[in-house]
Each structure stands twice: as structure tokens, then as C-alpha cells.
């Protein structure tokens, strides 16, 4: 089983700033808001200044549904909070009109899962339909562990999570990435960023229902 593809609770860049990131954002921590301001400055404000932040809106799962093929996303490059405010207004209008959010279905999980299963089958592995439909079985084939890990990230961002913070290390086809996942009173979101000196954009991941809350959080802490 290729455990090098992903590891949850792995040390990341916030471990270089905080002695214990897992308690830094807890409601019982005295300097919680200061810690949050520092973390957002590092994970969000810095890539905005460098024109390397992409907002990824994820949606399509409702009422407990979590099919890889129905998970949708749309990406927006964010060069300033003003751009984020414009996107928020557009998405809020869409939600008020009870119109589906714009986006592409299946590309985040569905298509790469199909490709990974095809590669496994070509290598002589038998992957039945139950294994395809059971995310916890995906790590049995190459590229399945990081897909399962990202499935869990998306699921937690849409359906919620009790732990306020989680740090994840991923080895994606496009390179090494860190995922910093936040589930706070102020909003639920994650930032996926290149590890160390790896190339690529940082991504702010969230469900559209969290956009207004996260924007307010960014305005208060940046």
C-alpha cells in the first residue's frame, strides 16, 4: 500500500511557526485569534500578494451524498480581497435564486479515480465495483491513497468536522502539497499549498455556504 502518497497529521509549515498547531486554534487557547491572524497571513495573504492564490469552490454533494462523479468545482484566481468580494456577491445571488453553482463535475475525484483503476487493472489487479464505490478501499492501488485523503478533505469541508485544525502531506501527480484544514466557529476552509520550494499555486478550498464567513474572517484578520 503506497503510504508515501499521503499522510494525515503530518508536520507542515505551521509547525515552523507554532509549537503545537493542533492546539493553537482551539477555543480554549488564550491567543487563539492572534494565532489565526498569523496563520492566515502565512497561508492566504502571502500567496495573494504573490498572485499565487486560487479559490476553489466545491459543491454538488447534498443530503449525505458523496459520489466522486457528482463533486463539482470552479476555480477563481484571487489577486485581492476585492475580487473575493465580487465572487461572494455573485455566488450569494446564485444561491438566493436557487440556481446551481457553476462548475465542472467529476474532475476532482471521478476522472482521476477512473484513470487510477484502469492503470491498476492494466497492471493485473482486480478492482471490483464495490471497491470503486468504497473510498476506504482506494488505497489498495496506486494513486488511491491521495484520492481517498482528498475525498475525506472534501467530505469534511462540506459536511463538517469537530477538530479545529488538521495538517496533511500529499504527494500528488503535480507535486508535493500540504493541506491545512480549518473547522472554526468563524468558518470552515482548507488551504492546499506547495511544500517547501515546490512550484505551483496555493488553493483556498471551501463550500459556497462558507464563502461569506471566510471572507469576513479574512477581513478581520488580514
C-alpha atoms as a PDB file:
ATOM      1  CA  UNK A   1       0.000   0.000   0.000  1.00  0.00           C
ATOM      2  CA  UNK A   2       1.631   3.312  -1.120  1.00  0.00           C
ATOM      3  CA  UNK A   3       1.577   5.287   2.145  1.00  0.00           C
ATOM      4  CA  UNK A   4       4.017   7.833   0.674  1.00  0.00           C
ATOM      5  CA  UNK A   5       1.133   9.271  -1.386  1.00  0.00           C
ATOM      6  CA  UNK A   6      -0.452  10.922   1.651  1.00  0.00           C
ATOM      7  CA  UNK A   7      -0.168  11.270   5.397  1.00  0.00           C
ATOM      8  CA  UNK A   8      -2.647  12.947   7.714  1.00  0.00           C
ATOM      9  CA  UNK A   9      -1.475  14.778  10.842  1.00  0.00           C
ATOM     10  CA  UNK A  10       1.884  15.342   9.138  1.00  0.00           C
ATOM     11  CA  UNK A  11       4.122  18.301  10.099  1.00  0.00           C
ATOM     12  CA  UNK A  12       3.720  21.296   7.789  1.00  0.00           C
ATOM     13  CA  UNK A  13       4.720  24.935   7.522  1.00  0.00           C
ATOM     14  CA  UNK A  14       2.615  25.968  10.531  1.00  0.00           C
ATOM     15  CA  UNK A  15       4.705  23.641  12.698  1.00  0.00           C
ATOM     16  CA  UNK A  16       7.601  26.001  11.977  1.00  0.00           C
ATOM     17  CA  UNK A  17       5.574  28.898  13.441  1.00  0.00           C
ATOM     18  CA  UNK A  18       3.652  27.296  16.310  1.00  0.00           C
ATOM     19  CA  UNK A  19       4.940  24.820  18.862  1.00  0.00           C
ATOM     20  CA  UNK A  20       1.625  22.942  18.633  1.00  0.00           C
ATOM     21  CA  UNK A  21      -0.642  23.985  15.728  1.00  0.00           C
ATOM     22  CA  UNK A  22      -3.262  21.452  16.809  1.00  0.00           C
ATOM     23  CA  UNK A  23      -3.997  23.409  19.966  1.00  0.00           C
ATOM     24  CA  UNK A  24      -3.233  26.893  18.574  1.00  0.00           C
ATOM     25  CA  UNK A  25      -6.760  27.363  17.173  1.00  0.00           C
ATOM     26  CA  UNK A  26      -8.711  25.686  19.954  1.00  0.00           C
ATOM     27  CA  UNK A  27     -11.421  27.816  21.549  1.00  0.00           C
ATOM     28  CA  UNK A  28      -9.756  27.396  24.935  1.00  0.00           C
ATOM     29  CA  UNK A  29      -6.448  28.861  23.726  1.00  0.00           C
ATOM     30  CA  UNK A  30      -5.902  32.376  25.085  1.00  0.00           C
ATOM     31  CA  UNK A  31      -4.211  33.835  21.988  1.00  0.00           C
ATOM     32  CA  UNK A  32      -6.336  31.915  19.504  1.00  0.00           C
ATOM     33  CA  UNK A  33      -7.264  34.959  17.349  1.00  0.00           C
ATOM     34  CA  UNK A  34      -3.646  36.078  17.187  1.00  0.00           C
ATOM     35  CA  UNK A  35      -2.626  32.597  16.086  1.00  0.00           C
ATOM     36  CA  UNK A  36      -5.371  32.626  13.463  1.00  0.00           C
ATOM     37  CA  UNK A  37      -4.241  36.015  12.164  1.00  0.00           C
ATOM     38  CA  UNK A  38      -0.666  34.745  11.820  1.00  0.00           C
ATOM     39  CA  UNK A  39      -1.759  31.525  10.086  1.00  0.00           C
ATOM     40  CA  UNK A  40      -3.993  33.326   7.591  1.00  0.00           C
ATOM     41  CA  UNK A  41      -1.232  35.808   6.878  1.00  0.00           C
ATOM     42  CA  UNK A  42       1.093  32.942   6.013  1.00  0.00           C
ATOM     43  CA  UNK A  43      -1.354  30.700   4.146  1.00  0.00           C
ATOM     44  CA  UNK A  44      -3.639  33.227   2.410  1.00  0.00           C
ATOM     45  CA  UNK A  45      -2.291  36.784   2.493  1.00  0.00           C
ATOM     46  CA  UNK A  46       1.188  35.848   1.265  1.00  0.00           C
ATOM     47  CA  UNK A  47       0.007  33.982  -1.889  1.00  0.00           C
ATOM     48  CA  UNK A  48      -2.467  36.820  -2.637  1.00  0.00           C
ATOM     49  CA  UNK A  49       0.460  39.274  -2.660  1.00  0.00           C
ATOM     50  CA  UNK A  50       2.414  36.894  -4.891  1.00  0.00           C
ATOM     51  CA  UNK A  51      -0.588  36.396  -7.250  1.00  0.00           C
ATOM     52  CA  UNK A  52      -0.496  32.680  -6.444  1.00  0.00           C
ATOM     53  CA  UNK A  53      -3.850  32.121  -4.746  1.00  0.00           C
ATOM     54  CA  UNK A  54      -6.721  30.270  -6.399  1.00  0.00           C
ATOM     55  CA  UNK A  55     -10.147  29.981  -4.780  1.00  0.00           C
ATOM     56  CA  UNK A  56     -11.680  26.556  -5.403  1.00  0.00           C
ATOM     57  CA  UNK A  57     -15.411  26.371  -4.726  1.00  0.00           C
ATOM     58  CA  UNK A  58     -16.566  22.759  -4.190  1.00  0.00           C
ATOM     59  CA  UNK A  59     -20.214  21.682  -4.274  1.00  0.00           C
ATOM     60  CA  UNK A  60     -22.553  19.005  -5.612  1.00  0.00           C
ATOM     61  CA  UNK A  61     -22.774  16.769  -2.548  1.00  0.00           C
ATOM     62  CA  UNK A  62     -26.038  17.124  -0.632  1.00  0.00           C
ATOM     63  CA  UNK A  63     -28.033  15.152   1.943  1.00  0.00           C
ATOM     64  CA  UNK A  64     -25.180  12.772   2.661  1.00  0.00           C
ATOM     65  CA  UNK A  65     -24.307  12.140  -0.994  1.00  0.00           C
ATOM     66  CA  UNK A  66     -20.607  11.764  -1.791  1.00  0.00           C
ATOM     67  CA  UNK A  67     -20.246  10.243  -5.253  1.00  0.00           C
ATOM     68  CA  UNK A  68     -16.883  11.136  -6.877  1.00  0.00           C
ATOM     69  CA  UNK A  69     -18.687  11.842 -10.158  1.00  0.00           C
ATOM     70  CA  UNK A  70     -21.048  14.435  -8.644  1.00  0.00           C
ATOM     71  CA  UNK A  71     -18.461  16.542  -6.813  1.00  0.00           C
ATOM     72  CA  UNK A  72     -18.218  19.830  -8.719  1.00  0.00           C
ATOM     73  CA  UNK A  73     -15.721  22.652  -8.551  1.00  0.00           C
ATOM     74  CA  UNK A  74     -14.894  26.005 -10.062  1.00  0.00           C
ATOM     75  CA  UNK A  75     -11.619  27.878  -9.675  1.00  0.00           C
ATOM     76  CA  UNK A  76     -11.095  31.641  -9.425  1.00  0.00           C
ATOM     77  CA  UNK A  77      -7.730  33.393  -9.283  1.00  0.00           C
ATOM     78  CA  UNK A  78      -7.696  35.782  -6.334  1.00  0.00           C
ATOM     79  CA  UNK A  79      -5.397  38.809  -6.566  1.00  0.00           C
ATOM     80  CA  UNK A  80      -7.152  40.827  -3.850  1.00  0.00           C
ATOM     81  CA  UNK A  81      -9.954  40.703  -1.300  1.00  0.00           C
ATOM     82  CA  UNK A  82     -11.980  42.933  -3.645  1.00  0.00           C
ATOM     83  CA  UNK A  83     -12.023  40.110  -6.201  1.00  0.00           C
ATOM     84  CA  UNK A  84     -13.109  37.740  -3.464  1.00  0.00           C
ATOM     85  CA  UNK A  85     -15.938  40.114  -2.512  1.00  0.00           C
ATOM     86  CA  UNK A  86     -17.114  40.213  -6.144  1.00  0.00           C
ATOM     87  CA  UNK A  87     -17.166  36.407  -6.305  1.00  0.00           C
ATOM     88  CA  UNK A  88     -19.015  36.251  -2.987  1.00  0.00           C
ATOM     89  CA  UNK A  89     -21.720  38.617  -4.283  1.00  0.00           C
ATOM     90  CA  UNK A  90     -22.127  36.565  -7.461  1.00  0.00           C
ATOM     91  CA  UNK A  91     -22.365  33.241  -5.606  1.00  0.00           C
ATOM     92  CA  UNK A  92     -24.759  34.633  -2.996  1.00  0.00           C
ATOM     93  CA  UNK A  93     -27.019  35.863  -5.790  1.00  0.00           C
ATOM     94  CA  UNK A  94     -26.883  32.413  -7.371  1.00  0.00           C
ATOM     95  CA  UNK A  95     -27.830  30.750  -4.084  1.00  0.00           C
ATOM     96  CA  UNK A  96     -30.645  33.244  -3.446  1.00  0.00           C
ATOM     97  CA  UNK A  97     -32.093  32.443  -6.874  1.00  0.00           C
ATOM     98  CA  UNK A  98     -31.833  28.737  -6.019  1.00  0.00           C
ATOM     99  CA  UNK A  99     -29.627  28.248  -9.051  1.00  0.00           C
ATOM    100  CA  UNK A 100     -26.876  25.642  -9.066  1.00  0.00           C
ATOM    101  CA  UNK A 101     -23.366  26.980  -8.662  1.00  0.00           C
ATOM    102  CA  UNK A 102     -21.267  26.968 -11.804  1.00  0.00           C
ATOM    103  CA  UNK A 103     -18.612  24.322 -12.119  1.00  0.00           C
ATOM    104  CA  UNK A 104     -17.365  21.085 -13.627  1.00  0.00           C
ATOM    105  CA  UNK A 105     -18.368  17.699 -12.202  1.00  0.00           C
ATOM    106  CA  UNK A 106     -16.112  14.693 -11.772  1.00  0.00           C
ATOM    107  CA  UNK A 107     -12.685  16.199 -12.434  1.00  0.00           C
ATOM    108  CA  UNK A 108     -11.536  16.345  -8.803  1.00  0.00           C
ATOM    109  CA  UNK A 109     -12.201  12.709  -7.920  1.00  0.00           C
ATOM    110  CA  UNK A 110     -14.243  10.901 -10.594  1.00  0.00           C
ATOM    111  CA  UNK A 111     -11.867  11.140 -13.547  1.00  0.00           C
ATOM    112  CA  UNK A 112      -8.583  10.525 -11.661  1.00  0.00           C
ATOM    113  CA  UNK A 113     -10.237   7.599  -9.855  1.00  0.00           C
ATOM    114  CA  UNK A 114     -11.240   6.035 -13.179  1.00  0.00           C
ATOM    115  CA  UNK A 115      -7.706   6.530 -14.501  1.00  0.00           C
ATOM    116  CA  UNK A 116      -6.149   5.015 -11.368  1.00  0.00           C
ATOM    117  CA  UNK A 117      -8.429   1.969 -11.551  1.00  0.00           C
ATOM    118  CA  UNK A 118      -7.665   1.484 -15.262  1.00  0.00           C
ATOM    119  CA  UNK A 119      -3.928   1.591 -14.524  1.00  0.00           C
ATOM    120  CA  UNK A 120      -4.353  -0.909 -11.681  1.00  0.00           C
ATOM    121  CA  UNK A 121      -6.323  -3.270 -13.916  1.00  0.00           C
ATOM    122  CA  UNK A 122      -3.711  -2.994 -16.676  1.00  0.00           C
ATOM    123  CA  UNK A 123      -1.111  -3.988 -14.081  1.00  0.00           C
ATOM    124  CA  UNK A 124      -3.111  -7.164 -13.372  1.00  0.00           C
ATOM    125  CA  UNK A 125      -5.062  -6.057 -10.304  1.00  0.00           C
ATOM    126  CA  UNK A 126      -8.745  -6.869  -9.950  1.00  0.00           C
ATOM    127  CA  UNK A 127     -10.820  -3.839  -8.850  1.00  0.00           C
ATOM    128  CA  UNK A 128     -14.489  -4.662  -8.455  1.00  0.00           C
ATOM    129  CA  UNK A 129     -17.378  -2.202  -8.421  1.00  0.00           C
ATOM    130  CA  UNK A 130     -17.657  -2.339  -4.625  1.00  0.00           C
ATOM    131  CA  UNK A 131     -14.021  -1.266  -4.291  1.00  0.00           C
ATOM    132  CA  UNK A 132     -14.630   1.617  -6.671  1.00  0.00           C
ATOM    133  CA  UNK A 133     -17.605   2.770  -4.627  1.00  0.00           C
ATOM    134  CA  UNK A 134     -15.874   2.360  -1.243  1.00  0.00           C
ATOM    135  CA  UNK A 135     -13.312   5.160  -0.728  1.00  0.00           C
ATOM    136  CA  UNK A 136     -11.590   3.361   2.152  1.00  0.00           C
ATOM    137  CA  UNK A 137     -10.556   0.646  -0.359  1.00  0.00           C
ATOM    138  CA  UNK A 138      -8.934   3.053  -2.806  1.00  0.00           C
ATOM    139  CA  UNK A 139      -5.512   2.985  -1.086  1.00  0.00           C
ATOM    140  CA  UNK A 140      -5.054  -0.599  -2.314  1.00  0.00           C
ATOM    141  CA  UNK A 141      -3.989   0.728  -5.741  1.00  0.00           C
ATOM    142  CA  UNK A 142      -1.533   3.390  -6.884  1.00  0.00           C
ATOM    143  CA  UNK A 143      -2.903   6.949  -6.621  1.00  0.00           C
ATOM    144  CA  UNK A 144      -5.736   5.631  -4.476  1.00  0.00           C
ATOM    145  CA  UNK A 145      -4.377   6.863  -1.140  1.00  0.00           C
ATOM    146  CA  UNK A 146      -4.124  10.522  -2.103  1.00  0.00           C
ATOM    147  CA  UNK A 147      -7.550  10.291  -3.755  1.00  0.00           C
ATOM    148  CA  UNK A 148      -9.004   8.821  -0.558  1.00  0.00           C
ATOM    149  CA  UNK A 149      -7.310  11.526   1.510  1.00  0.00           C
ATOM    150  CA  UNK A 150      -8.690  14.318  -0.676  1.00  0.00           C
ATOM    151  CA  UNK A 151     -12.114  12.638  -0.614  1.00  0.00           C
ATOM    152  CA  UNK A 152     -12.018  12.950   3.187  1.00  0.00           C
ATOM    153  CA  UNK A 153     -10.917  16.600   2.981  1.00  0.00           C
ATOM    154  CA  UNK A 154     -13.788  17.489   0.637  1.00  0.00           C
ATOM    155  CA  UNK A 155     -16.250  15.491   2.747  1.00  0.00           C
ATOM    156  CA  UNK A 156     -15.207  17.292   5.947  1.00  0.00           C
ATOM    157  CA  UNK A 157     -15.408  20.704   4.260  1.00  0.00           C
ATOM    158  CA  UNK A 158     -18.946  20.011   3.065  1.00  0.00           C
ATOM    159  CA  UNK A 159     -20.366  18.055   5.989  1.00  0.00           C
ATOM    160  CA  UNK A 160     -18.319  19.421   8.902  1.00  0.00           C
ATOM    161  CA  UNK A 161     -15.679  18.237  11.363  1.00  0.00           C
ATOM    162  CA  UNK A 162     -15.035  18.565  15.097  1.00  0.00           C
ATOM    163  CA  UNK A 163     -11.244  19.026  15.053  1.00  0.00           C
ATOM    164  CA  UNK A 164     -10.431  22.728  14.545  1.00  0.00           C
ATOM    165  CA  UNK A 165      -7.217  22.059  12.591  1.00  0.00           C
ATOM    166  CA  UNK A 166      -5.584  19.303  10.574  1.00  0.00           C
ATOM    167  CA  UNK A 167      -2.277  19.204   8.679  1.00  0.00           C
ATOM    168  CA  UNK A 168      -1.853  16.791   5.748  1.00  0.00           C
ATOM    169  CA  UNK A 169       1.027  15.912   3.434  1.00  0.00           C
ATOM    170  CA  UNK A 170       0.153  14.856  -0.133  1.00  0.00           C
ATOM    171  CA  UNK A 171       2.254  13.576  -2.998  1.00  0.00           C
ATOM    172  CA  UNK A 172       0.090  14.470  -5.999  1.00  0.00           C
ATOM    173  CA  UNK A 173       0.951  13.823  -9.660  1.00  0.00           C
ATOM    174  CA  UNK A 174       1.704  17.569  -9.970  1.00  0.00           C
ATOM    175  CA  UNK A 175       3.991  17.644  -6.938  1.00  0.00           C
ATOM    176  CA  UNK A 176       4.278  17.744  -3.141  1.00  0.00           C
ATOM    177  CA  UNK A 177       1.488  19.601  -1.343  1.00  0.00           C
ATOM    178  CA  UNK A 178       0.428  20.492   2.193  1.00  0.00           C
ATOM    179  CA  UNK A 179      -3.229  20.767   3.165  1.00  0.00           C
ATOM    180  CA  UNK A 180      -4.087  22.946   6.147  1.00  0.00           C
ATOM    181  CA  UNK A 181      -7.679  22.267   7.125  1.00  0.00           C
ATOM    182  CA  UNK A 182      -9.649  24.576   9.450  1.00  0.00           C
ATOM    183  CA  UNK A 183     -13.034  23.959  11.074  1.00  0.00           C
ATOM    184  CA  UNK A 184     -13.694  27.040  13.179  1.00  0.00           C
ATOM    185  CA  UNK A 185     -16.618  28.987  14.574  1.00  0.00           C
ATOM    186  CA  UNK A 186     -15.725  31.668  12.017  1.00  0.00           C
ATOM    187  CA  UNK A 187     -15.806  29.329   9.031  1.00  0.00           C
ATOM    188  CA  UNK A 188     -14.637  26.034   7.520  1.00  0.00           C
ATOM    189  CA  UNK A 189     -11.988  26.024   4.810  1.00  0.00           C
ATOM    190  CA  UNK A 190      -8.684  24.496   3.771  1.00  0.00           C
ATOM    191  CA  UNK A 191      -5.552  25.791   2.086  1.00  0.00           C
ATOM    192  CA  UNK A 192      -3.537  23.494  -0.165  1.00  0.00           C
ATOM    193  CA  UNK A 193      -0.057  24.846  -0.829  1.00  0.00           C
ATOM    194  CA  UNK A 194       3.153  23.604  -2.444  1.00  0.00           C
ATOM    195  CA  UNK A 195       5.568  22.057   0.046  1.00  0.00           C
ATOM    196  CA  UNK A 196       8.812  23.911   0.653  1.00  0.00           C
ATOM    197  CA  UNK A 197      10.245  25.068  -2.697  1.00  0.00           C
ATOM    198  CA  UNK A 198       7.833  23.160  -4.953  1.00  0.00           C
ATOM    199  CA  UNK A 199       6.195  25.138  -7.766  1.00  0.00           C
ATOM    200  CA  UNK A 200       2.501  25.888  -8.092  1.00  0.00           C
ATOM    201  CA  UNK A 201      -0.362  27.945  -6.724  1.00  0.00           C
ATOM    202  CA  UNK A 202      -1.909  27.799  -3.285  1.00  0.00           C
ATOM    203  CA  UNK A 203      -5.611  26.918  -3.244  1.00  0.00           C
ATOM    204  CA  UNK A 204      -8.276  28.105  -0.836  1.00  0.00           C
ATOM    205  CA  UNK A 205     -10.851  25.299  -0.730  1.00  0.00           C
ATOM    206  CA  UNK A 206     -14.374  25.769   0.598  1.00  0.00           C
ATOM    207  CA  UNK A 207     -18.071  25.090   0.098  1.00  0.00           C
ATOM    208  CA  UNK A 208     -20.086  28.078  -1.216  1.00  0.00           C
ATOM    209  CA  UNK A 209     -22.056  28.217   2.042  1.00  0.00           C
ATOM    210  CA  UNK A 210     -18.811  29.119   3.828  1.00  0.00           C
ATOM    211  CA  UNK A 211     -17.642  31.876   1.481  1.00  0.00           C
ATOM    212  CA  UNK A 212     -19.259  34.812   3.318  1.00  0.00           C
ATOM    213  CA  UNK A 213     -17.996  33.589   6.692  1.00  0.00           C
ATOM    214  CA  UNK A 214     -14.460  33.018   5.425  1.00  0.00           C
ATOM    215  CA  UNK A 215     -14.385  36.405   3.679  1.00  0.00           C
ATOM    216  CA  UNK A 216     -15.432  38.066   6.951  1.00  0.00           C
ATOM    217  CA  UNK A 217     -12.684  36.126   8.735  1.00  0.00           C
ATOM    218  CA  UNK A 218     -10.102  37.275   6.183  1.00  0.00           C
ATOM    219  CA  UNK A 219     -11.236  40.894   6.522  1.00  0.00           C
ATOM    220  CA  UNK A 220     -10.900  40.708  10.289  1.00  0.00           C
ATOM    221  CA  UNK A 221      -7.526  39.007  10.371  1.00  0.00           C
ATOM    222  CA  UNK A 222      -5.656  40.384   7.353  1.00  0.00           C
END
